Amino acid sequence: MLKISVIDSRTELRLVLEGKLIAPWVAELRTAWKSVNAEIGGRVLVIDMGNVAIISQEGENALLELMNAGAKFRCSGVVTKHMIKELRRRSKRDASKPVREEHSCVLDDQGQK
């Protein structure tokens, strides 16, 4: 199961993910992303992964899509932080979709890089 909460503020739109980022819930993440993307209005999209327990390959691919679109990530676990760093490396190696480094970053629970 995956719970997706949307926190809407003046400066950012945050998707808070809780649970397992595996099929079929990856499709739910993409649906939520498309929904908030229509109303983002120049704000930063932040994906809060502090309570994600499991991420499948399909989930990683969806997160890579979000990263390539400019989303920032907030996570707390060592494994999750490492996975986001690996995704950032993959996005930089993908010549068909160049991404500047400032488009994505890993933030800890206090919002620090």
Protein backbone atom coordinates (compact mmCIF):
# COMPACT_ATOMS: atom_id res chain seq x y z
CA MET A 1 0.00 0.00 0.00
CA LEU A 2 1.13 3.56 -0.69
CA LYS A 3 -0.39 6.65 0.87
CA ILE A 4 0.18 9.92 -1.00
CA SER A 5 -0.60 13.19 0.76
CA VAL A 6 -0.36 16.59 -0.90
CA ILE A 7 0.82 19.54 1.16
CA ASP A 8 0.29 22.80 -0.67
CA SER A 9 2.15 25.92 0.48
CA ARG A 10 3.04 29.27 -1.03
CA THR A 11 6.57 28.18 -2.02
CA GLU A 12 6.29 24.44 -2.61
CA LEU A 13 3.99 21.59 -3.44
CA ARG A 14 4.96 18.50 -1.44
CA LEU A 15 3.98 14.91 -2.15
CA VAL A 16 4.40 12.90 1.05
CA LEU A 17 4.82 9.20 0.30
CA GLU A 18 4.23 6.53 2.95
CA GLY A 19 4.46 2.78 2.44
CA LYS A 20 5.63 0.71 -0.53
CA LEU A 21 6.50 2.31 -3.86
CA ILE A 22 5.78 -0.78 -5.97
CA ALA A 23 3.33 -1.72 -8.73
CA PRO A 24 0.40 -0.92 -8.88
CA TRP A 25 0.99 2.11 -6.63
CA VAL A 26 3.64 3.56 -8.92
CA ALA A 27 0.77 4.42 -11.27
CA GLU A 28 -0.91 6.26 -8.38
CA LEU A 29 2.25 8.32 -7.87
CA ARG A 30 2.32 9.24 -11.56
CA THR A 31 -1.37 10.19 -11.41
CA ALA A 32 -0.79 12.37 -8.32
CA TRP A 33 2.22 13.98 -9.99
CA LYS A 34 0.25 14.84 -13.12
CA SER A 35 -2.54 16.26 -10.97
CA VAL A 36 -0.30 18.57 -8.91
CA ASN A 37 1.86 19.44 -11.92
CA ALA A 38 -1.15 21.21 -13.45
CA GLU A 39 -1.39 23.55 -10.45
CA ILE A 40 2.27 23.96 -9.44
CA GLY A 41 2.49 27.54 -10.71
CA GLY A 42 6.24 28.13 -10.39
CA ARG A 43 6.56 26.48 -6.98
CA VAL A 44 9.04 23.74 -6.15
CA LEU A 45 7.84 20.13 -6.23
CA VAL A 46 9.21 18.20 -3.24
CA ILE A 47 8.85 14.44 -2.92
CA ASP A 48 8.97 13.52 0.80
CA MET A 49 10.07 9.90 1.10
CA GLY A 50 10.67 9.80 4.85
CA ASN A 51 8.24 6.92 5.37
CA VAL A 52 8.81 4.83 2.25
CA ALA A 53 9.70 1.26 3.17
CA ILE A 54 10.22 -0.48 -0.18
CA ILE A 55 10.99 0.84 -3.67
CA SER A 56 10.78 -1.45 -6.72
CA GLN A 57 12.63 -0.92 -9.99
CA GLU A 58 9.42 0.53 -11.44
CA GLY A 59 9.29 2.90 -8.46
CA GLU A 60 12.89 3.97 -9.08
CA ASN A 61 12.04 4.67 -12.71
CA ALA A 62 9.10 6.87 -11.67
CA LEU A 63 11.34 8.77 -9.23
CA LEU A 64 13.89 9.25 -12.01
CA GLU A 65 11.14 10.77 -14.17
CA LEU A 66 10.26 13.15 -11.33
CA MET A 67 13.92 14.02 -10.88
CA ASN A 68 14.32 14.75 -14.60
CA ALA A 69 11.26 17.00 -14.35
CA GLY A 70 12.96 19.05 -11.60
CA ALA A 71 11.53 17.57 -8.39
CA LYS A 72 13.52 17.80 -5.18
CA PHE A 73 13.59 14.95 -2.67
CA ARG A 74 13.44 14.79 1.10
CA CYS A 75 14.36 11.51 2.75
CA SER A 76 15.75 10.30 6.04
CA GLY A 77 16.96 6.71 5.69
CA VAL A 78 20.47 5.81 4.60
CA VAL A 79 19.22 3.40 1.93
CA THR A 80 16.73 5.90 0.52
CA LYS A 81 19.33 8.67 0.42
CA HIS A 82 21.74 6.34 -1.37
CA MET A 83 19.08 5.35 -3.90
CA ILE A 84 18.31 9.01 -4.66
CA LYS A 85 22.03 9.71 -5.15
CA GLU A 86 22.26 6.77 -7.55
CA LEU A 87 19.23 8.03 -9.46
CA ARG A 88 20.89 11.45 -9.71
CA ARG A 89 23.94 9.77 -11.25
CA ARG A 90 21.71 7.90 -13.71
CA SER A 91 19.96 11.12 -14.69
CA LYS A 92 23.30 12.81 -15.36
CA ARG A 93 24.47 9.90 -17.53
CA ASP A 94 21.29 9.96 -19.62
CA ALA A 95 22.42 12.06 -22.59
CA SER A 96 18.92 12.27 -24.02
CA LYS A 97 17.65 14.10 -20.93
CA PRO A 98 20.39 16.32 -19.52
CA VAL A 99 19.67 17.52 -16.00
CA ARG A 100 21.55 20.28 -14.22
CA GLU A 101 22.65 19.41 -10.70
CA GLU A 102 20.44 22.01 -9.01
CA HIS A 103 17.30 20.36 -10.40
CA SER A 104 17.39 17.67 -7.75
CA CYS A 105 18.85 17.32 -4.33
CA VAL A 106 18.50 15.14 -1.29
CA LEU A 107 17.21 16.87 1.83
CA ASP A 108 17.24 15.39 5.29
CA ASP A 109 14.41 15.72 7.84
CA GLN A 110 15.45 19.29 8.65
CA GLY A 111 15.48 20.33 4.99
CA GLN A 112 19.30 20.37 4.81
CA LYS A 113 21.26 19.03 1.84
